[in-house]
All heavy atoms as atom14 arrays in JSON, in Angstrom:
{
  "sequence": "LLFSIGKNPLSVMLMRSMYAFIAFVAIAFVMRFLLAF",
  "atom14_mask": [
    [1, 1, 1, 1, 1, 1, 1, 1, 0, 0, 0, 0, 0, 0],
    [1, 1, 1, 1, 1, 1, 1, 1, 0, 0, 0, 0, 0, 0],
    [1, 1, 1, 1, 1, 1, 1, 1, 1, 1, 1, 0, 0, 0],
    [1, 1, 1, 1, 1, 1, 0, 0, 0, 0, 0, 0, 0, 0],
    [1, 1, 1, 1, 1, 1, 1, 1, 0, 0, 0, 0, 0, 0],
    [1, 1, 1, 1, 0, 0, 0, 0, 0, 0, 0, 0, 0, 0],
    [1, 1, 1, 1, 1, 1, 1, 1, 1, 0, 0, 0, 0, 0],
    [1, 1, 1, 1, 1, 1, 1, 1, 0, 0, 0, 0, 0, 0],
    [1, 1, 1, 1, 1, 1, 1, 0, 0, 0, 0, 0, 0, 0],
    [1, 1, 1, 1, 1, 1, 1, 1, 0, 0, 0, 0, 0, 0],
    [1, 1, 1, 1, 1, 1, 0, 0, 0, 0, 0, 0, 0, 0],
    [1, 1, 1, 1, 1, 1, 1, 0, 0, 0, 0, 0, 0, 0],
    [1, 1, 1, 1, 1, 1, 1, 1, 0, 0, 0, 0, 0, 0],
    [1, 1, 1, 1, 1, 1, 1, 1, 0, 0, 0, 0, 0, 0],
    [1, 1, 1, 1, 1, 1, 1, 1, 0, 0, 0, 0, 0, 0],
    [1, 1, 1, 1, 1, 1, 1, 1, 1, 1, 1, 0, 0, 0],
    [1, 1, 1, 1, 1, 1, 0, 0, 0, 0, 0, 0, 0, 0],
    [1, 1, 1, 1, 1, 1, 1, 1, 0, 0, 0, 0, 0, 0],
    [1, 1, 1, 1, 1, 1, 1, 1, 1, 1, 1, 1, 0, 0],
    [1, 1, 1, 1, 1, 0, 0, 0, 0, 0, 0, 0, 0, 0],
    [1, 1, 1, 1, 1, 1, 1, 1, 1, 1, 1, 0, 0, 0],
    [1, 1, 1, 1, 1, 1, 1, 1, 0, 0, 0, 0, 0, 0],
    [1, 1, 1, 1, 1, 0, 0, 0, 0, 0, 0, 0, 0, 0],
    [1, 1, 1, 1, 1, 1, 1, 1, 1, 1, 1, 0, 0, 0],
    [1, 1, 1, 1, 1, 1, 1, 0, 0, 0, 0, 0, 0, 0],
    [1, 1, 1, 1, 1, 0, 0, 0, 0, 0, 0, 0, 0, 0],
    [1, 1, 1, 1, 1, 1, 1, 1, 0, 0, 0, 0, 0, 0],
    [1, 1, 1, 1, 1, 0, 0, 0, 0, 0, 0, 0, 0, 0],
    [1, 1, 1, 1, 1, 1, 1, 1, 1, 1, 1, 0, 0, 0],
    [1, 1, 1, 1, 1, 1, 1, 0, 0, 0, 0, 0, 0, 0],
    [1, 1, 1, 1, 1, 1, 1, 1, 0, 0, 0, 0, 0, 0],
    [1, 1, 1, 1, 1, 1, 1, 1, 1, 1, 1, 0, 0, 0],
    [1, 1, 1, 1, 1, 1, 1, 1, 1, 1, 1, 0, 0, 0],
    [1, 1, 1, 1, 1, 1, 1, 1, 0, 0, 0, 0, 0, 0],
    [1, 1, 1, 1, 1, 1, 1, 1, 0, 0, 0, 0, 0, 0],
    [1, 1, 1, 1, 1, 0, 0, 0, 0, 0, 0, 0, 0, 0],
    [1, 1, 1, 1, 1, 1, 1, 1, 1, 1, 1, 0, 0, 0]
  ],
  "atom14_positions": [
    [[-164.35, -89.01, 104.68], [-164.38, -90.39, 104.32], [-163.99, -91.38, 105.48], [-164.51, -92.32, 105.81], [-163.59, -90.73, 103.09], [-163.73, -92.14, 102.4], [-165.21, -92.26, 101.79], [-162.73, -92.16, 101.35], [0.0, 0.0, 0.0], [0.0, 0.0, 0.0], [0.0, 0.0, 0.0], [0.0, 0.0, 0.0], [0.0, 0.0, 0.0], [0.0, 0.0, 0.0]],
    [[-162.87, -90.93, 106.2], [-162.34, -91.84, 107.19], [-163.16, -91.74, 108.43], [-163.24, -92.83, 109.13], [-160.93, -91.28, 107.58], [-159.74, -91.55, 106.61], [-158.52, -90.8, 107.08], [-159.61, -93.01, 106.41], [0.0, 0.0, 0.0], [0.0, 0.0, 0.0], [0.0, 0.0, 0.0], [0.0, 0.0, 0.0], [0.0, 0.0, 0.0], [0.0, 0.0, 0.0]],
    [[-163.78, -90.72, 108.74], [-164.61, -90.6, 109.89], [-166.04, -91.33, 109.7], [-166.7, -91.58, 110.76], [-164.94, -89.07, 110.34], [-163.77, -88.45, 111.04], [-163.28, -87.27, 110.54], [-163.08, -89.09, 112.06], [-162.21, -86.75, 111.23], [-162.07, -88.54, 112.73], [-161.52, -87.3, 112.29], [0.0, 0.0, 0.0], [0.0, 0.0, 0.0], [0.0, 0.0, 0.0]],
    [[-166.35, -91.46, 108.44], [-167.68, -92.08, 108.21], [-167.55, -93.57, 107.78], [-168.62, -94.21, 107.47], [-168.49, -91.38, 107.19], [-167.87, -91.37, 105.94], [0.0, 0.0, 0.0], [0.0, 0.0, 0.0], [0.0, 0.0, 0.0], [0.0, 0.0, 0.0], [0.0, 0.0, 0.0], [0.0, 0.0, 0.0], [0.0, 0.0, 0.0], [0.0, 0.0, 0.0]],
    [[-166.34, -94.1, 107.75], [-166.27, -95.58, 107.33], [-166.8, -96.43, 108.5], [-166.57, -96.24, 109.66], [-164.77, -95.86, 107.2], [-164.15, -95.41, 105.88], [-164.5, -97.43, 107.16], [-162.74, -95.6, 105.62], [0.0, 0.0, 0.0], [0.0, 0.0, 0.0], [0.0, 0.0, 0.0], [0.0, 0.0, 0.0], [0.0, 0.0, 0.0], [0.0, 0.0, 0.0]],
    [[-167.58, -97.39, 108.02], [-168.3, -98.38, 109.0], [-169.56, -97.85, 109.55], [-170.28, -98.64, 110.18], [0.0, 0.0, 0.0], [0.0, 0.0, 0.0], [0.0, 0.0, 0.0], [0.0, 0.0, 0.0], [0.0, 0.0, 0.0], [0.0, 0.0, 0.0], [0.0, 0.0, 0.0], [0.0, 0.0, 0.0], [0.0, 0.0, 0.0], [0.0, 0.0, 0.0]],
    [[-169.98, -96.51, 109.43], [-171.16, -96.11, 109.96], [-172.19, -95.85, 108.95], [-173.39, -95.81, 109.25], [-170.85, -94.76, 110.69], [-169.89, -94.89, 111.83], [-169.66, -93.52, 112.48], [-168.59, -93.61, 113.52], [-168.17, -92.37, 114.08], [0.0, 0.0, 0.0], [0.0, 0.0, 0.0], [0.0, 0.0, 0.0], [0.0, 0.0, 0.0], [0.0, 0.0, 0.0]],
    [[-171.73, -95.63, 107.68], [-172.63, -95.34, 106.58], [-172.33, -96.36, 105.44], [-171.19, -96.81, 105.22], [-172.41, -93.92, 106.1], [-172.79, -92.95, 107.15], [-173.72, -93.01, 107.84], [-171.89, -91.97, 107.36], [0.0, 0.0, 0.0], [0.0, 0.0, 0.0], [0.0, 0.0, 0.0], [0.0, 0.0, 0.0], [0.0, 0.0, 0.0], [0.0, 0.0, 0.0]],
    [[-173.31, -96.47, 104.46], [-173.07, -97.24, 103.29], [-172.13, -96.44, 102.37], [-171.87, -95.26, 102.53], [-174.39, -97.38, 102.64], [-175.34, -96.7, 103.51], [-174.75, -96.02, 104.66], [0.0, 0.0, 0.0], [0.0, 0.0, 0.0], [0.0, 0.0, 0.0], [0.0, 0.0, 0.0], [0.0, 0.0, 0.0], [0.0, 0.0, 0.0], [0.0, 0.0, 0.0]],
    [[-171.54, -97.19, 101.38], [-170.52, -96.55, 100.55], [-171.09, -95.35, 99.69], [-170.31, -94.47, 99.64], [-169.96, -97.68, 99.56], [-168.94, -97.25, 98.64], [-167.74, -96.88, 99.37], [-168.62, -98.35, 97.5], [0.0, 0.0, 0.0], [0.0, 0.0, 0.0], [0.0, 0.0, 0.0], [0.0, 0.0, 0.0], [0.0, 0.0, 0.0], [0.0, 0.0, 0.0]],
    [[-172.25, -95.43, 99.28], [-172.88, -94.33, 98.44], [-173.01, -93.05, 99.33], [-172.68, -91.94, 98.8], [-174.18, -94.83, 97.86], [-175.09, -95.08, 98.95], [0.0, 0.0, 0.0], [0.0, 0.0, 0.0], [0.0, 0.0, 0.0], [0.0, 0.0, 0.0], [0.0, 0.0, 0.0], [0.0, 0.0, 0.0], [0.0, 0.0, 0.0], [0.0, 0.0, 0.0]],
    [[-173.35, -93.23, 100.56], [-173.58, -92.06, 101.54], [-172.13, -91.49, 101.82], [-171.89, -90.22, 101.83], [-174.36, -92.46, 102.8], [-174.19, -91.35, 103.85], [-175.68, -92.88, 102.53], [0.0, 0.0, 0.0], [0.0, 0.0, 0.0], [0.0, 0.0, 0.0], [0.0, 0.0, 0.0], [0.0, 0.0, 0.0], [0.0, 0.0, 0.0], [0.0, 0.0, 0.0]],
    [[-171.16, -92.36, 102.01], [-169.71, -91.91, 102.3], [-169.24, -91.1, 101.2], [-168.6, -90.05, 101.39], [-168.79, -93.09, 102.64], [-169.06, -93.76, 103.91], [-167.8, -95.0, 104.4], [-167.59, -95.84, 102.89], [0.0, 0.0, 0.0], [0.0, 0.0, 0.0], [0.0, 0.0, 0.0], [0.0, 0.0, 0.0], [0.0, 0.0, 0.0], [0.0, 0.0, 0.0]],
    [[-169.36, -91.59, 99.95], [-168.85, -90.88, 98.8], [-169.61, -89.58, 98.51], [-168.96, -88.57, 98.18], [-168.98, -91.73, 97.54], [-168.07, -93.04, 97.53], [-168.28, -93.81, 96.38], [-166.63, -92.53, 97.71], [0.0, 0.0, 0.0], [0.0, 0.0, 0.0], [0.0, 0.0, 0.0], [0.0, 0.0, 0.0], [0.0, 0.0, 0.0], [0.0, 0.0, 0.0]],
    [[-170.92, -89.54, 98.78], [-171.73, -88.31, 98.66], [-171.3, -87.24, 99.6], [-171.05, -86.03, 99.32], [-173.17, -88.56, 98.88], [-174.09, -87.44, 98.53], [-174.02, -86.79, 96.85], [-175.26, -87.99, 96.14], [0.0, 0.0, 0.0], [0.0, 0.0, 0.0], [0.0, 0.0, 0.0], [0.0, 0.0, 0.0], [0.0, 0.0, 0.0], [0.0, 0.0, 0.0]],
    [[-171.11, -87.66, 100.89], [-170.68, -86.65, 101.94], [-169.21, -86.24, 101.7], [-168.92, -85.11, 102.03], [-170.82, -87.33, 103.36], [-172.22, -87.5, 103.69], [-172.49, -88.03, 105.09], [-173.88, -88.16, 105.37], [-174.35, -88.78, 106.41], [-173.49, -89.38, 107.19], [-175.61, -88.78, 106.61], [0.0, 0.0, 0.0], [0.0, 0.0, 0.0], [0.0, 0.0, 0.0]],
    [[-168.38, -87.12, 101.19], [-166.98, -86.75, 100.82], [-166.99, -85.72, 99.74], [-166.12, -84.72, 99.73], [-166.19, -87.94, 100.53], [-166.04, -88.85, 101.64], [0.0, 0.0, 0.0], [0.0, 0.0, 0.0], [0.0, 0.0, 0.0], [0.0, 0.0, 0.0], [0.0, 0.0, 0.0], [0.0, 0.0, 0.0], [0.0, 0.0, 0.0], [0.0, 0.0, 0.0]],
    [[-167.89, -85.87, 98.84], [-167.93, -84.86, 97.71], [-168.49, -83.56, 98.29], [-167.91, -82.52, 97.88], [-168.9, -85.45, 96.63], [-168.93, -84.54, 95.43], [-170.14, -85.07, 94.09], [-171.66, -84.83, 94.88], [0.0, 0.0, 0.0], [0.0, 0.0, 0.0], [0.0, 0.0, 0.0], [0.0, 0.0, 0.0], [0.0, 0.0, 0.0], [0.0, 0.0, 0.0]],
    [[-169.45, -83.54, 99.05], [-169.94, -82.22, 99.67], [-168.81, -81.68, 100.54], [-168.54, -80.34, 100.48], [-171.18, -82.53, 100.68], [-172.41, -82.92, 99.89], [-173.41, -83.74, 100.4], [-172.65, -82.48, 98.53], [-174.52, -84.07, 99.69], [-173.86, -82.75, 97.85], [-174.69, -83.58, 98.47], [-175.93, -83.95, 97.75], [0.0, 0.0, 0.0], [0.0, 0.0, 0.0]],
    [[-168.03, -82.46, 101.27], [-166.94, -81.95, 102.15], [-165.85, -81.36, 101.17], [-165.28, -80.24, 101.5], [-166.31, -83.04, 102.99], [0.0, 0.0, 0.0], [0.0, 0.0, 0.0], [0.0, 0.0, 0.0], [0.0, 0.0, 0.0], [0.0, 0.0, 0.0], [0.0, 0.0, 0.0], [0.0, 0.0, 0.0], [0.0, 0.0, 0.0], [0.0, 0.0, 0.0]],
    [[-165.62, -82.03, 100.03], [-164.59, -81.41, 99.02], [-165.07, -80.03, 98.58], [-164.27, -79.1, 98.61], [-164.44, -82.35, 97.83], [-163.57, -81.85, 96.85], [-162.12, -81.98, 96.96], [-164.03, -81.28, 95.74], [-161.4, -81.41, 96.01], [-163.23, -80.86, 94.76], [-161.83, -80.83, 94.76], [0.0, 0.0, 0.0], [0.0, 0.0, 0.0], [0.0, 0.0, 0.0]],
    [[-166.26, -79.91, 98.16], [-166.83, -78.64, 97.69], [-166.8, -77.59, 98.8], [-166.38, -76.5, 98.64], [-168.17, -78.82, 97.18], [-168.27, -79.71, 95.92], [-168.82, -77.52, 96.87], [-169.54, -80.15, 95.48], [0.0, 0.0, 0.0], [0.0, 0.0, 0.0], [0.0, 0.0, 0.0], [0.0, 0.0, 0.0], [0.0, 0.0, 0.0], [0.0, 0.0, 0.0]],
    [[-167.07, -78.01, 100.07], [-167.11, -77.06, 101.19], [-165.78, -76.59, 101.56], [-165.5, -75.35, 101.77], [-167.87, -77.68, 102.43], [0.0, 0.0, 0.0], [0.0, 0.0, 0.0], [0.0, 0.0, 0.0], [0.0, 0.0, 0.0], [0.0, 0.0, 0.0], [0.0, 0.0, 0.0], [0.0, 0.0, 0.0], [0.0, 0.0, 0.0], [0.0, 0.0, 0.0]],
    [[-164.77, -77.51, 101.52], [-163.39, -77.12, 101.88], [-162.77, -76.31, 100.74], [-162.0, -75.39, 101.05], [-162.61, -78.45, 102.12], [-162.7, -78.88, 103.56], [-163.79, -79.51, 104.06], [-161.68, -78.6, 104.54], [-163.96, -80.04, 105.33], [-161.81, -79.04, 105.85], [-162.91, -79.75, 106.24], [0.0, 0.0, 0.0], [0.0, 0.0, 0.0], [0.0, 0.0, 0.0]],
    [[-163.14, -76.57, 99.48], [-162.68, -75.65, 98.43], [-163.17, -74.28, 98.57], [-162.41, -73.34, 98.44], [-162.97, -76.29, 97.1], [-162.7, -75.3, 95.95], [-162.12, -77.51, 96.8], [0.0, 0.0, 0.0], [0.0, 0.0, 0.0], [0.0, 0.0, 0.0], [0.0, 0.0, 0.0], [0.0, 0.0, 0.0], [0.0, 0.0, 0.0], [0.0, 0.0, 0.0]],
    [[-164.41, -74.27, 98.91], [-165.06, -72.88, 99.09], [-164.37, -72.1, 100.35], [-164.05, -70.92, 100.28], [-166.44, -73.03, 99.3], [0.0, 0.0, 0.0], [0.0, 0.0, 0.0], [0.0, 0.0, 0.0], [0.0, 0.0, 0.0], [0.0, 0.0, 0.0], [0.0, 0.0, 0.0], [0.0, 0.0, 0.0], [0.0, 0.0, 0.0], [0.0, 0.0, 0.0]],
    [[-164.16, -72.92, 101.41], [-163.55, -72.25, 102.64], [-162.05, -71.85, 102.23], [-161.66, -70.73, 102.73], [-163.62, -73.18, 103.78], [-165.04, -73.42, 104.26], [-162.69, -72.82, 104.96], [-165.2, -74.65, 105.25], [0.0, 0.0, 0.0], [0.0, 0.0, 0.0], [0.0, 0.0, 0.0], [0.0, 0.0, 0.0], [0.0, 0.0, 0.0], [0.0, 0.0, 0.0]],
    [[-161.39, -72.63, 101.55], [-159.94, -72.28, 101.15], [-160.01, -70.93, 100.31], [-159.08, -70.14, 100.49], [-159.39, -73.42, 100.49], [0.0, 0.0, 0.0], [0.0, 0.0, 0.0], [0.0, 0.0, 0.0], [0.0, 0.0, 0.0], [0.0, 0.0, 0.0], [0.0, 0.0, 0.0], [0.0, 0.0, 0.0], [0.0, 0.0, 0.0], [0.0, 0.0, 0.0]],
    [[-160.96, -70.93, 99.38], [-161.05, -69.78, 98.51], [-161.23, -68.5, 99.33], [-160.64, -67.48, 99.09], [-162.06, -69.94, 97.46], [-162.27, -68.8, 96.53], [-161.38, -68.65, 95.52], [-163.27, -67.93, 96.72], [-161.48, -67.59, 94.55], [-163.4, -66.79, 95.9], [-162.42, -66.68, 94.76], [0.0, 0.0, 0.0], [0.0, 0.0, 0.0], [0.0, 0.0, 0.0]],
    [[-162.28, -68.58, 100.21], [-162.62, -67.44, 101.14], [-161.37, -67.05, 101.96], [-161.05, -65.87, 102.08], [-163.83, -67.71, 101.99], [-164.04, -66.69, 103.01], [-165.0, -67.86, 101.04], [0.0, 0.0, 0.0], [0.0, 0.0, 0.0], [0.0, 0.0, 0.0], [0.0, 0.0, 0.0], [0.0, 0.0, 0.0], [0.0, 0.0, 0.0], [0.0, 0.0, 0.0]],
    [[-160.63, -68.07, 102.53], [-159.5, -67.79, 103.4], [-158.34, -67.05, 102.67], [-157.74, -66.23, 103.03], [-159.01, -69.08, 104.09], [-160.05, -69.45, 105.22], [-159.47, -70.95, 106.04], [-157.99, -70.34, 106.8], [0.0, 0.0, 0.0], [0.0, 0.0, 0.0], [0.0, 0.0, 0.0], [0.0, 0.0, 0.0], [0.0, 0.0, 0.0], [0.0, 0.0, 0.0]],
    [[-158.17, -67.64, 101.39], [-157.13, -67.02, 100.61], [-157.48, -65.57, 100.16], [-156.67, -64.77, 100.16], [-156.96, -67.85, 99.27], [-156.08, -69.14, 99.55], [-155.83, -69.86, 98.21], [-155.41, -69.01, 97.16], [-155.79, -69.17, 95.9], [-156.61, -70.17, 95.54], [-155.34, -68.41, 95.0], [0.0, 0.0, 0.0], [0.0, 0.0, 0.0], [0.0, 0.0, 0.0]],
    [[-158.73, -65.34, 99.88], [-159.22, -64.01, 99.6], [-159.04, -63.01, 100.77], [-158.49, -62.08, 100.66], [-160.7, -64.03, 99.14], [-161.18, -62.59, 98.78], [-160.95, -62.02, 97.61], [-162.03, -62.01, 99.76], [-161.41, -60.84, 97.42], [-162.49, -60.71, 99.52], [-162.12, -60.12, 98.22], [0.0, 0.0, 0.0], [0.0, 0.0, 0.0], [0.0, 0.0, 0.0]],
    [[-159.39, -63.51, 101.96], [-159.19, -62.69, 103.13], [-157.68, -62.4, 103.43], [-157.39, -61.33, 103.88], [-159.89, -63.36, 104.35], [-161.47, -63.31, 104.31], [-162.02, -64.07, 105.5], [-161.92, -61.89, 104.34], [0.0, 0.0, 0.0], [0.0, 0.0, 0.0], [0.0, 0.0, 0.0], [0.0, 0.0, 0.0], [0.0, 0.0, 0.0], [0.0, 0.0, 0.0]],
    [[-156.89, -63.45, 103.25], [-155.51, -63.39, 103.53], [-154.9, -62.33, 102.56], [-154.08, -61.47, 102.99], [-154.75, -64.68, 103.46], [-153.35, -64.75, 103.83], [-153.18, -64.38, 105.27], [-152.81, -66.16, 103.55], [0.0, 0.0, 0.0], [0.0, 0.0, 0.0], [0.0, 0.0, 0.0], [0.0, 0.0, 0.0], [0.0, 0.0, 0.0], [0.0, 0.0, 0.0]],
    [[-155.25, -62.33, 101.28], [-154.83, -61.47, 100.33], [-155.2, -59.98, 100.64], [-154.46, -59.06, 100.54], [-155.12, -61.8, 98.93], [0.0, 0.0, 0.0], [0.0, 0.0, 0.0], [0.0, 0.0, 0.0], [0.0, 0.0, 0.0], [0.0, 0.0, 0.0], [0.0, 0.0, 0.0], [0.0, 0.0, 0.0], [0.0, 0.0, 0.0], [0.0, 0.0, 0.0]],
    [[-156.46, -59.86, 101.1], [-157.02, -58.61, 101.53], [-156.25, -58.0, 102.7], [-155.99, -56.9, 102.78], [-158.51, -58.68, 101.88], [-159.1, -57.37, 102.15], [-159.46, -56.47, 101.19], [-159.43, -57.09, 103.46], [-159.92, -55.26, 101.45], [-160.01, -55.83, 103.75], [-160.32, -54.9, 102.78], [0.0, 0.0, 0.0], [0.0, 0.0, 0.0], [0.0, 0.0, 0.0]]
  ]
}
């Protein structure tokens, strides 16, 4: 959201932030799984 402020409209910023949230949650899950392994 911070990196896309001023470059994109509000709807695009929120959509990309939601995709980033989902991607980072998935990455954190995989990293926790690997760390536990």
